[in-house]
Amino acid sequence: MGSTEIAAPSITLIGGATASGKSALALDLAERTGAVIVNADSQQLYKGLAVLTAAPTEADTRRAPHLLYEIADPEDSWSVGRWLRRVERVLTEEQRPVILVGGTGLYFNALTKGLADIPPVPDALRAEISEAYDRIGEDSFRVLVAKADPQAAARITPGDRQRLIRALGVALATGKPLSHWRSRTKPLLRPGAYEAIVVDMDRDALYARCDARAEAMLEAGALDEVAALMARDLNPSLPAMKAAGVRELAGHLRGETPLEEALAAMKTATRQLAKRQLTWFRNQAAHWPRSA
C-alpha cells in the first residue's frame, strides 16, 4: 500500500476516546474546509447500532458527507485490513479534503505505520499450537517461541496467550518470524502526508460525559437496537455484539437485571472503553498535537 497515489488534497486524522467530542470537531472542520468525513471507529461500521455507537445523525450528514458508517451487517466481522483497503480506495478516489475520525487506535496505526501482509496460519496448525500451549503452559511454550522467533518472545508480555500462539503459528506456517513480515510493511500515509489531532480531556470530565451519553442513548432507543440484535440470535463473539451497552442491556431484556442496574453497567462499560482509548492515544500517539 505504500505506493498508493493519494488523490485527496489534504488528510486530517482526529482520534480520541468515546464521548470526547472528536466527531463535533470533525464536523466543524469539515464545514470550514469542504471535507468528507471518514469513519475510523470499528463499531460504527455496523448497521443497527446507530444509537449505541453514536453514529452520525441525519443532521450531521446534512452538514458534511460521511463515508464508511453503518456499511456492514452485524453478522459480518471486519478486520483492520478490510477497513484499510476501503480507506485506501477513498483516498485514491476522493478529490475533496478527507478527515478520518474515530477511536480505534489500531486503525490509525494501520494508516500511519502499516499493516503487515502476513500469510494466514492454517486452522489445523493453529488448533495444534493452541492445544500445546494449554498442555505445557506458558513458560515452556515461550521457550518454543523463543527458538522460532526470538524477537517476538522478548516483545510479548507475560500472559498474552493469543500473541504467543500467533507468533509460533506464523513462524511454523511460513518459515519466517513475524519480524520478517513486519519489516516489509509500508504505511498508507507517510509522515508529512497528513495532520493529526488527539482530542484529549480530563479523565473525570470524560467519565461524566460517558455517563451522560449512556443515559441519552437509553432515551434514544438503545433498548430497541439491542432487542433487534437479540432477535437475530447472533454469535456473541462478533464485533458488533461487543459494542458497549449490548451485553448490559441484553441482560435486562432477558429479565436478568433491573433497568437501573443495566444502565449502571452500561455506564461502567462505556467508561472502561473510554479509559482504554484514552490510554492508547496517550501512549501510542503521544506526539500528535492535542485539542481539548
C-alpha atoms as a PDB file:
ATOM      1  CA  MET A   1       0.000   0.000   0.000  1.00  0.00           C
ATOM      2  CA  GLY A   2       2.995   2.268   0.318  1.00  0.00           C
ATOM      3  CA  SER A   3       2.943   3.138  -3.410  1.00  0.00           C
ATOM      4  CA  THR A   4      -0.688   4.263  -3.378  1.00  0.00           C
ATOM      5  CA  GLU A   5      -1.290   7.535  -5.233  1.00  0.00           C
ATOM      6  CA  ILE A   6      -3.326   9.730  -2.893  1.00  0.00           C
ATOM      7  CA  ALA A   7      -5.825  11.981  -4.659  1.00  0.00           C
ATOM      8  CA  ALA A   8      -7.274  13.776  -1.620  1.00  0.00           C
ATOM      9  CA  PRO A   9      -5.777  17.290  -1.385  1.00  0.00           C
ATOM     10  CA  SER A  10      -5.401  17.065   2.401  1.00  0.00           C
ATOM     11  CA  ILE A  11      -5.833  14.417   5.092  1.00  0.00           C
ATOM     12  CA  THR A  12      -6.569  15.025   8.767  1.00  0.00           C
ATOM     13  CA  LEU A  13      -6.669  12.333  11.440  1.00  0.00           C
ATOM     14  CA  ILE A  14      -8.759  13.026  14.549  1.00  0.00           C
ATOM     15  CA  GLY A  15      -8.547  10.450  17.311  1.00  0.00           C
ATOM     16  CA  GLY A  16      -9.733  10.273  20.880  1.00  0.00           C
ATOM     17  CA  ALA A  17     -11.851   8.453  23.403  1.00  0.00           C
ATOM     18  CA  THR A  18     -15.574   7.905  23.108  1.00  0.00           C
ATOM     19  CA  ALA A  19     -17.644  10.917  24.201  1.00  0.00           C
ATOM     20  CA  SER A  20     -14.618  13.234  23.965  1.00  0.00           C
ATOM     21  CA  GLY A  21     -16.125  15.449  21.263  1.00  0.00           C
ATOM     22  CA  LYS A  22     -13.975  14.338  18.331  1.00  0.00           C
ATOM     23  CA  SER A  23     -16.940  13.949  15.973  1.00  0.00           C
ATOM     24  CA  ALA A  24     -18.065  17.512  16.698  1.00  0.00           C
ATOM     25  CA  LEU A  25     -14.557  18.753  15.970  1.00  0.00           C
ATOM     26  CA  ALA A  26     -14.524  16.823  12.695  1.00  0.00           C
ATOM     27  CA  LEU A  27     -17.878  18.305  11.683  1.00  0.00           C
ATOM     28  CA  ASP A  28     -16.755  21.863  12.370  1.00  0.00           C
ATOM     29  CA  LEU A  29     -13.564  21.310  10.382  1.00  0.00           C
ATOM     30  CA  ALA A  30     -15.433  19.656   7.514  1.00  0.00           C
ATOM     31  CA  GLU A  31     -17.830  22.577   7.221  1.00  0.00           C
ATOM     32  CA  ARG A  32     -14.941  25.046   7.078  1.00  0.00           C
ATOM     33  CA  THR A  33     -12.884  23.080   4.544  1.00  0.00           C
ATOM     34  CA  GLY A  34     -15.447  21.225   2.438  1.00  0.00           C
ATOM     35  CA  ALA A  35     -14.028  17.892   3.619  1.00  0.00           C
ATOM     36  CA  VAL A  36     -15.623  14.466   3.652  1.00  0.00           C
ATOM     37  CA  ILE A  37     -15.609  12.645   6.991  1.00  0.00           C
ATOM     38  CA  VAL A  38     -14.479   9.004   7.007  1.00  0.00           C
ATOM     39  CA  ASN A  39     -15.177   6.600   9.838  1.00  0.00           C
ATOM     40  CA  ALA A  40     -12.199   5.299  11.837  1.00  0.00           C
ATOM     41  CA  ASP A  41     -14.196   3.548  14.552  1.00  0.00           C
ATOM     42  CA  SER A  42     -14.622  -0.227  14.381  1.00  0.00           C
ATOM     43  CA  GLN A  43     -18.087  -0.275  15.966  1.00  0.00           C
ATOM     44  CA  GLN A  44     -19.565   2.440  13.771  1.00  0.00           C
ATOM     45  CA  LEU A  45     -19.040   0.202  10.742  1.00  0.00           C
ATOM     46  CA  TYR A  46     -22.068  -1.901  11.668  1.00  0.00           C
ATOM     47  CA  LYS A  47     -25.715  -1.347  10.835  1.00  0.00           C
ATOM     48  CA  GLY A  48     -28.314  -1.373  13.572  1.00  0.00           C
ATOM     49  CA  LEU A  49     -26.076   0.271  16.177  1.00  0.00           C
ATOM     50  CA  ALA A  50     -26.595   3.933  15.326  1.00  0.00           C
ATOM     51  CA  VAL A  51     -27.688   4.862  18.846  1.00  0.00           C
ATOM     52  CA  LEU A  52     -25.283   2.649  20.784  1.00  0.00           C
ATOM     53  CA  THR A  53     -22.262   3.752  18.755  1.00  0.00           C
ATOM     54  CA  ALA A  54     -23.265   7.415  18.426  1.00  0.00           C
ATOM     55  CA  ALA A  55     -23.215   7.169  14.635  1.00  0.00           C
ATOM     56  CA  PRO A  56     -23.726  10.382  12.619  1.00  0.00           C
ATOM     57  CA  THR A  57     -27.297  11.638  12.609  1.00  0.00           C
ATOM     58  CA  GLU A  58     -29.220  12.923   9.606  1.00  0.00           C
ATOM     59  CA  ALA A  59     -28.434  16.440  10.782  1.00  0.00           C
ATOM     60  CA  ASP A  60     -24.728  15.564  10.831  1.00  0.00           C
ATOM     61  CA  THR A  61     -24.802  14.175   7.300  1.00  0.00           C
ATOM     62  CA  ARG A  62     -26.530  17.332   6.064  1.00  0.00           C
ATOM     63  CA  ARG A  63     -23.626  19.364   7.412  1.00  0.00           C
ATOM     64  CA  ALA A  64     -20.930  17.208   5.782  1.00  0.00           C
ATOM     65  CA  PRO A  65     -20.726  13.967   3.773  1.00  0.00           C
ATOM     66  CA  HIS A  66     -19.834  10.841   5.779  1.00  0.00           C
ATOM     67  CA  LEU A  67     -18.314   7.594   4.489  1.00  0.00           C
ATOM     68  CA  LEU A  68     -17.863   4.072   5.902  1.00  0.00           C
ATOM     69  CA  TYR A  69     -20.539   4.430   8.577  1.00  0.00           C
ATOM     70  CA  GLU A  70     -23.135   1.645   9.022  1.00  0.00           C
ATOM     71  CA  ILE A  71     -21.929  -0.274   5.967  1.00  0.00           C
ATOM     72  CA  ALA A  72     -21.544  -3.784   7.430  1.00  0.00           C
ATOM     73  CA  ASP A  73     -24.108  -6.277   8.665  1.00  0.00           C
ATOM     74  CA  PRO A  74     -23.689  -7.160  12.371  1.00  0.00           C
ATOM     75  CA  GLU A  75     -23.292 -10.800  11.313  1.00  0.00           C
ATOM     76  CA  ASP A  76     -20.120  -9.805   9.473  1.00  0.00           C
ATOM     77  CA  SER A  77     -16.700  -9.327  11.056  1.00  0.00           C
ATOM     78  CA  TRP A  78     -14.458  -6.656   9.618  1.00  0.00           C
ATOM     79  CA  SER A  79     -10.696  -6.881  10.070  1.00  0.00           C
ATOM     80  CA  VAL A  80      -8.322  -3.929  10.237  1.00  0.00           C
ATOM     81  CA  GLY A  81      -7.047  -4.915   6.797  1.00  0.00           C
ATOM     82  CA  ARG A  82     -10.518  -4.840   5.279  1.00  0.00           C
ATOM     83  CA  TRP A  83     -11.132  -1.369   6.671  1.00  0.00           C
ATOM     84  CA  LEU A  84      -7.745  -0.184   5.438  1.00  0.00           C
ATOM     85  CA  ARG A  85      -8.465  -1.363   1.905  1.00  0.00           C
ATOM     86  CA  ARG A  86     -11.708   0.624   1.859  1.00  0.00           C
ATOM     87  CA  VAL A  87      -9.931   3.710   3.167  1.00  0.00           C
ATOM     88  CA  GLU A  88      -7.247   3.314   0.522  1.00  0.00           C
ATOM     89  CA  ARG A  89      -9.967   3.375  -2.124  1.00  0.00           C
ATOM     90  CA  VAL A  90     -11.415   6.559  -0.632  1.00  0.00           C
ATOM     91  CA  LEU A  91      -8.059   8.321  -0.517  1.00  0.00           C
ATOM     92  CA  THR A  92      -7.213   7.399  -4.098  1.00  0.00           C
ATOM     93  CA  GLU A  93     -10.602   8.484  -5.489  1.00  0.00           C
ATOM     94  CA  GLU A  94     -11.689  11.387  -3.278  1.00  0.00           C
ATOM     95  CA  GLN A  95     -10.969  14.869  -4.662  1.00  0.00           C
ATOM     96  CA  ARG A  96     -12.059  16.663  -1.502  1.00  0.00           C
ATOM     97  CA  PRO A  97     -10.142  17.028   1.763  1.00  0.00           C
ATOM     98  CA  VAL A  98     -10.574  13.934   3.941  1.00  0.00           C
ATOM     99  CA  ILE A  99     -10.999  13.796   7.714  1.00  0.00           C
ATOM    100  CA  LEU A 100     -10.644  10.370   9.342  1.00  0.00           C
ATOM    101  CA  VAL A 101     -12.175  10.385  12.800  1.00  0.00           C
ATOM    102  CA  GLY A 102     -12.659   7.656  15.397  1.00  0.00           C
ATOM    103  CA  GLY A 103     -11.456   5.944  18.496  1.00  0.00           C
ATOM    104  CA  THR A 104      -9.950   2.732  17.106  1.00  0.00           C
ATOM    105  CA  GLY A 105      -6.223   3.091  17.619  1.00  0.00           C
ATOM    106  CA  LEU A 106      -5.383   0.050  15.510  1.00  0.00           C
ATOM    107  CA  TYR A 107      -6.948   1.779  12.508  1.00  0.00           C
ATOM    108  CA  PHE A 108      -4.699   4.797  12.913  1.00  0.00           C
ATOM    109  CA  ASN A 109      -1.686   2.542  13.416  1.00  0.00           C
ATOM    110  CA  ALA A 110      -2.501   0.702  10.204  1.00  0.00           C
ATOM    111  CA  LEU A 111      -2.745   4.011   8.352  1.00  0.00           C
ATOM    112  CA  THR A 112       0.451   5.574   9.624  1.00  0.00           C
ATOM    113  CA  LYS A 113       2.655   2.583  10.451  1.00  0.00           C
ATOM    114  CA  GLY A 114       1.371  -0.012   8.024  1.00  0.00           C
ATOM    115  CA  LEU A 115      -0.298  -3.381   8.284  1.00  0.00           C
ATOM    116  CA  ALA A 116       1.817  -6.436   7.687  1.00  0.00           C
ATOM    117  CA  ASP A 117       0.517  -8.746   4.973  1.00  0.00           C
ATOM    118  CA  ILE A 118       1.121 -11.926   6.953  1.00  0.00           C
ATOM    119  CA  PRO A 119       0.050 -15.234   5.349  1.00  0.00           C
ATOM    120  CA  PRO A 120      -2.724 -16.973   7.309  1.00  0.00           C
ATOM    121  CA  VAL A 121      -1.955 -19.798   9.704  1.00  0.00           C
ATOM    122  CA  PRO A 122      -3.918 -22.963   8.761  1.00  0.00           C
ATOM    123  CA  ASP A 123      -6.730 -23.752  11.188  1.00  0.00           C
ATOM    124  CA  ALA A 124      -5.376 -27.223  11.949  1.00  0.00           C
ATOM    125  CA  LEU A 125      -1.943 -25.870  12.840  1.00  0.00           C
ATOM    126  CA  ARG A 126      -3.419 -23.110  14.968  1.00  0.00           C
ATOM    127  CA  ALA A 127      -5.511 -25.658  16.871  1.00  0.00           C
ATOM    128  CA  GLU A 128      -2.472 -27.879  17.402  1.00  0.00           C
ATOM    129  CA  ILE A 129      -0.394 -24.970  18.724  1.00  0.00           C
ATOM    130  CA  SER A 130      -3.208 -23.806  20.980  1.00  0.00           C
ATOM    131  CA  GLU A 131      -3.512 -27.296  22.441  1.00  0.00           C
ATOM    132  CA  ALA A 132       0.255 -27.378  23.044  1.00  0.00           C
ATOM    133  CA  TYR A 133       0.092 -24.083  24.940  1.00  0.00           C
ATOM    134  CA  ASP A 134      -2.650 -25.398  27.217  1.00  0.00           C
ATOM    135  CA  ARG A 135      -0.832 -28.680  27.726  1.00  0.00           C
ATOM    136  CA  ILE A 136       2.699 -27.430  28.534  1.00  0.00           C
ATOM    137  CA  GLY A 137       1.949 -23.993  29.975  1.00  0.00           C
ATOM    138  CA  GLU A 138       3.213 -20.538  29.130  1.00  0.00           C
ATOM    139  CA  ASP A 139       6.792 -20.846  30.369  1.00  0.00           C
ATOM    140  CA  SER A 140       7.588 -23.944  28.311  1.00  0.00           C
ATOM    141  CA  PHE A 141       5.627 -22.605  25.353  1.00  0.00           C
ATOM    142  CA  ARG A 142       7.572 -19.351  25.456  1.00  0.00           C
ATOM    143  CA  VAL A 143      10.787 -21.380  25.085  1.00  0.00           C
ATOM    144  CA  LEU A 144       9.394 -22.761  21.814  1.00  0.00           C
ATOM    145  CA  VAL A 145       8.511 -19.255  20.654  1.00  0.00           C
ATOM    146  CA  ALA A 146      11.987 -18.009  21.552  1.00  0.00           C
ATOM    147  CA  LYS A 147      13.569 -20.647  19.330  1.00  0.00           C
ATOM    148  CA  ALA A 148      11.307 -19.842  16.383  1.00  0.00           C
ATOM    149  CA  ASP A 149      11.039 -16.067  16.828  1.00  0.00           C
ATOM    150  CA  PRO A 150      13.357 -14.571  19.496  1.00  0.00           C
ATOM    151  CA  GLN A 151      12.162 -11.012  18.874  1.00  0.00           C
ATOM    152  CA  ALA A 152       8.521 -11.931  19.426  1.00  0.00           C
ATOM    153  CA  ALA A 153       9.331 -13.882  22.601  1.00  0.00           C
ATOM    154  CA  ALA A 154      11.166 -10.871  24.001  1.00  0.00           C
ATOM    155  CA  ARG A 155       8.430  -8.417  22.966  1.00  0.00           C
ATOM    156  CA  ILE A 156       5.268 -10.264  24.026  1.00  0.00           C
ATOM    157  CA  THR A 157       4.251  -9.555  27.602  1.00  0.00           C
ATOM    158  CA  PRO A 158       3.602 -12.338  30.138  1.00  0.00           C
ATOM    159  CA  GLY A 159       0.124 -13.816  29.969  1.00  0.00           C
ATOM    160  CA  ASP A 160      -0.533 -12.816  26.349  1.00  0.00           C
ATOM    161  CA  ARG A 161      -1.588 -16.263  25.174  1.00  0.00           C
ATOM    162  CA  GLN A 162      -3.066 -15.087  21.884  1.00  0.00           C
ATOM    163  CA  ARG A 163       0.065 -13.318  20.641  1.00  0.00           C
ATOM    164  CA  LEU A 164       2.377 -16.113  21.710  1.00  0.00           C
ATOM    165  CA  ILE A 165       0.282 -18.638  19.803  1.00  0.00           C
ATOM    166  CA  ARG A 166       0.162 -16.360  16.770  1.00  0.00           C
ATOM    167  CA  ALA A 167       3.937 -15.789  16.793  1.00  0.00           C
ATOM    168  CA  LEU A 168       4.691 -19.505  16.834  1.00  0.00           C
ATOM    169  CA  GLY A 169       1.976 -20.220  14.283  1.00  0.00           C
ATOM    170  CA  VAL A 170       3.315 -17.685  11.792  1.00  0.00           C
ATOM    171  CA  ALA A 171       6.887 -18.915  12.234  1.00  0.00           C
ATOM    172  CA  LEU A 172       5.917 -22.567  11.704  1.00  0.00           C
ATOM    173  CA  ALA A 173       3.481 -21.895   8.861  1.00  0.00           C
ATOM    174  CA  THR A 174       5.710 -19.551   6.847  1.00  0.00           C
ATOM    175  CA  GLY A 175       9.210 -20.479   7.943  1.00  0.00           C
ATOM    176  CA  LYS A 176       9.833 -16.831   8.791  1.00  0.00           C
ATOM    177  CA  PRO A 177       9.282 -14.858  12.028  1.00  0.00           C
ATOM    178  CA  LEU A 178       6.765 -12.059  12.446  1.00  0.00           C
ATOM    179  CA  SER A 179       9.595  -9.511  12.320  1.00  0.00           C
ATOM    180  CA  HIS A 180      10.333 -10.560   8.742  1.00  0.00           C
ATOM    181  CA  TRP A 181       6.786  -9.877   7.599  1.00  0.00           C
ATOM    182  CA  ARG A 182       6.513  -6.622   9.543  1.00  0.00           C
ATOM    183  CA  SER A 183       9.771  -5.330   8.075  1.00  0.00           C
ATOM    184  CA  ARG A 184       8.106  -5.462   4.639  1.00  0.00           C
ATOM    185  CA  THR A 185       5.274  -3.222   5.799  1.00  0.00           C
ATOM    186  CA  LYS A 186       4.792   0.222   4.267  1.00  0.00           C
ATOM    187  CA  PRO A 187       2.230   2.670   5.670  1.00  0.00           C
ATOM    188  CA  LEU A 188      -0.547   4.044   3.522  1.00  0.00           C
ATOM    189  CA  LEU A 189       0.154   7.529   4.930  1.00  0.00           C
ATOM    190  CA  ARG A 190       3.772   8.549   5.256  1.00  0.00           C
ATOM    191  CA  PRO A 191       4.987  11.245   7.708  1.00  0.00           C
ATOM    192  CA  GLY A 192       4.142  14.686   6.401  1.00  0.00           C
ATOM    193  CA  ALA A 193       1.235  13.422   4.305  1.00  0.00           C
ATOM    194  CA  TYR A 194      -1.340  14.172   6.982  1.00  0.00           C
ATOM    195  CA  GLU A 195      -2.165  16.293  10.005  1.00  0.00           C
ATOM    196  CA  ALA A 196      -3.171  14.580  13.240  1.00  0.00           C
ATOM    197  CA  ILE A 197      -5.075  15.677  16.330  1.00  0.00           C
ATOM    198  CA  VAL A 198      -5.991  13.877  19.542  1.00  0.00           C
ATOM    199  CA  VAL A 199      -8.994  15.200  21.419  1.00  0.00           C
ATOM    200  CA  ASP A 200      -7.793  14.879  24.987  1.00  0.00           C
ATOM    201  CA  MET A 201      -9.563  15.867  28.160  1.00  0.00           C
ATOM    202  CA  ASP A 202      -9.532  15.381  31.906  1.00  0.00           C
ATOM    203  CA  ARG A 203     -10.487  11.832  32.813  1.00  0.00           C
ATOM    204  CA  ASP A 204     -13.151  12.781  35.360  1.00  0.00           C
ATOM    205  CA  ALA A 205     -14.797  15.130  32.869  1.00  0.00           C
ATOM    206  CA  LEU A 206     -14.661  12.418  30.208  1.00  0.00           C
ATOM    207  CA  TYR A 207     -16.265   9.874  32.519  1.00  0.00           C
ATOM    208  CA  ALA A 208     -19.065  12.308  33.311  1.00  0.00           C
ATOM    209  CA  ARG A 209     -19.700  12.705  29.592  1.00  0.00           C
ATOM    210  CA  CYS A 210     -19.712   8.904  29.202  1.00  0.00           C
ATOM    211  CA  ASP A 211     -22.389   8.597  31.885  1.00  0.00           C
ATOM    212  CA  ALA A 212     -24.499  11.317  30.283  1.00  0.00           C
ATOM    213  CA  ARG A 213     -24.126   9.677  26.881  1.00  0.00           C
ATOM    214  CA  ALA A 214     -25.300   6.301  28.222  1.00  0.00           C
ATOM    215  CA  GLU A 215     -28.426   7.919  29.683  1.00  0.00           C
ATOM    216  CA  ALA A 216     -29.111   9.737  26.411  1.00  0.00           C
ATOM    217  CA  MET A 217     -28.675   6.515  24.446  1.00  0.00           C
ATOM    218  CA  LEU A 218     -31.207   4.748  26.615  1.00  0.00           C
ATOM    219  CA  GLU A 219     -33.726   7.516  25.996  1.00  0.00           C
ATOM    220  CA  ALA A 220     -32.969   7.490  22.250  1.00  0.00           C
ATOM    221  CA  GLY A 221     -33.821   3.828  21.705  1.00  0.00           C
ATOM    222  CA  ALA A 222     -30.770   1.751  22.663  1.00  0.00           C
ATOM    223  CA  LEU A 223     -33.021  -0.966  24.091  1.00  0.00           C
ATOM    224  CA  ASP A 224     -34.758  -1.344  20.736  1.00  0.00           C
ATOM    225  CA  GLU A 225     -31.409  -1.748  18.980  1.00  0.00           C
ATOM    226  CA  VAL A 226     -30.320  -4.461  21.389  1.00  0.00           C
ATOM    227  CA  ALA A 227     -33.670  -6.233  21.116  1.00  0.00           C
ATOM    228  CA  ALA A 228     -33.287  -6.330  17.332  1.00  0.00           C
ATOM    229  CA  LEU A 229     -29.806  -7.815  17.649  1.00  0.00           C
ATOM    230  CA  MET A 230     -31.035 -10.422  20.140  1.00  0.00           C
ATOM    231  CA  ALA A 231     -33.837 -11.424  17.774  1.00  0.00           C
ATOM    232  CA  ARG A 232     -31.223 -12.423  15.211  1.00  0.00           C
ATOM    233  CA  ASP A 233     -29.504 -14.790  17.656  1.00  0.00           C
ATOM    234  CA  LEU A 234     -26.059 -13.620  16.547  1.00  0.00           C
ATOM    235  CA  ASN A 235     -22.815 -15.118  17.819  1.00  0.00           C
ATOM    236  CA  PRO A 236     -21.831 -13.108  20.928  1.00  0.00           C
ATOM    237  CA  SER A 237     -18.189 -13.145  19.784  1.00  0.00           C
ATOM    238  CA  LEU A 238     -18.977 -10.970  16.745  1.00  0.00           C
ATOM    239  CA  PRO A 239     -17.553  -7.418  16.937  1.00  0.00           C
ATOM    240  CA  ALA A 240     -20.979  -5.796  16.727  1.00  0.00           C
ATOM    241  CA  MET A 241     -22.131  -7.776  19.755  1.00  0.00           C
ATOM    242  CA  LYS A 242     -19.251  -6.373  21.785  1.00  0.00           C
ATOM    243  CA  ALA A 243     -20.299  -2.750  21.464  1.00  0.00           C
ATOM    244  CA  ALA A 244     -20.558  -1.053  24.849  1.00  0.00           C
ATOM    245  CA  GLY A 245     -24.095  -1.478  26.145  1.00  0.00           C
ATOM    246  CA  VAL A 246     -25.137  -4.514  24.107  1.00  0.00           C
ATOM    247  CA  ARG A 247     -24.334  -7.158  26.709  1.00  0.00           C
ATOM    248  CA  GLU A 248     -25.547  -4.991  29.579  1.00  0.00           C
ATOM    249  CA  LEU A 249     -28.906  -4.104  28.050  1.00  0.00           C
ATOM    250  CA  ALA A 250     -29.397  -7.646  26.768  1.00  0.00           C
ATOM    251  CA  GLY A 251     -29.240  -8.822  30.365  1.00  0.00           C
ATOM    252  CA  HIS A 252     -32.143  -6.536  31.209  1.00  0.00           C
ATOM    253  CA  LEU A 253     -34.158  -7.641  28.178  1.00  0.00           C
ATOM    254  CA  ARG A 254     -33.704 -11.268  29.251  1.00  0.00           C
ATOM    255  CA  GLY A 255     -35.102 -10.360  32.663  1.00  0.00           C
ATOM    256  CA  GLU A 256     -31.794 -10.890  34.466  1.00  0.00           C
ATOM    257  CA  THR A 257     -31.249  -7.338  35.741  1.00  0.00           C
ATOM    258  CA  PRO A 258     -33.421  -4.301  36.504  1.00  0.00           C
ATOM    259  CA  LEU A 259     -33.121  -1.416  34.053  1.00  0.00           C
ATOM    260  CA  GLU A 260     -31.337   0.775  36.588  1.00  0.00           C
ATOM    261  CA  GLU A 261     -28.707  -1.905  37.137  1.00  0.00           C
ATOM    262  CA  ALA A 262     -28.288  -2.455  33.412  1.00  0.00           C
ATOM    263  CA  LEU A 263     -27.820   1.280  32.865  1.00  0.00           C
ATOM    264  CA  ALA A 264     -25.205   1.424  35.611  1.00  0.00           C
ATOM    265  CA  ALA A 265     -23.362  -1.491  33.975  1.00  0.00           C
ATOM    266  CA  MET A 266     -23.612   0.241  30.600  1.00  0.00           C
ATOM    267  CA  LYS A 267     -22.066   3.374  32.082  1.00  0.00           C
ATOM    268  CA  THR A 268     -19.238   1.298  33.513  1.00  0.00           C
ATOM    269  CA  ALA A 269     -18.615  -0.401  30.154  1.00  0.00           C
ATOM    270  CA  THR A 270     -18.566   2.973  28.392  1.00  0.00           C
ATOM    271  CA  ARG A 271     -16.101   4.425  30.904  1.00  0.00           C
ATOM    272  CA  GLN A 272     -13.878   1.356  30.557  1.00  0.00           C
ATOM    273  CA  LEU A 273     -13.877   1.766  26.780  1.00  0.00           C
ATOM    274  CA  ALA A 274     -13.002   5.439  27.148  1.00  0.00           C
ATOM    275  CA  LYS A 275     -10.173   4.600  29.538  1.00  0.00           C
ATOM    276  CA  ARG A 276      -8.654   2.082  27.106  1.00  0.00           C
ATOM    277  CA  GLN A 277      -8.884   4.557  24.243  1.00  0.00           C
ATOM    278  CA  LEU A 278      -7.508   7.408  26.317  1.00  0.00           C
ATOM    279  CA  THR A 279      -4.565   5.265  27.390  1.00  0.00           C
ATOM    280  CA  TRP A 280      -3.882   4.133  23.830  1.00  0.00           C
ATOM    281  CA  PHE A 281      -3.779   7.637  22.373  1.00  0.00           C
ATOM    282  CA  ARG A 282      -1.659   8.954  25.237  1.00  0.00           C
ATOM    283  CA  ASN A 283       0.871   6.151  24.776  1.00  0.00           C
ATOM    284  CA  GLN A 284       0.772   5.336  21.065  1.00  0.00           C
ATOM    285  CA  ALA A 285       0.061   8.814  19.685  1.00  0.00           C
ATOM    286  CA  ALA A 286       1.950  10.857  22.246  1.00  0.00           C
ATOM    287  CA  HIS A 287       3.500  13.018  19.502  1.00  0.00           C
ATOM    288  CA  TRP A 288       0.159  14.045  17.991  1.00  0.00           C
ATOM    289  CA  PRO A 289      -0.990  17.606  18.853  1.00  0.00           C
ATOM    290  CA  ARG A 290      -3.733  17.806  21.474  1.00  0.00           C
ATOM    291  CA  SER A 291      -7.087  19.547  21.316  1.00  0.00           C
ATOM    292  CA  ALA A 292      -9.163  19.937  24.467  1.00  0.00           C
END
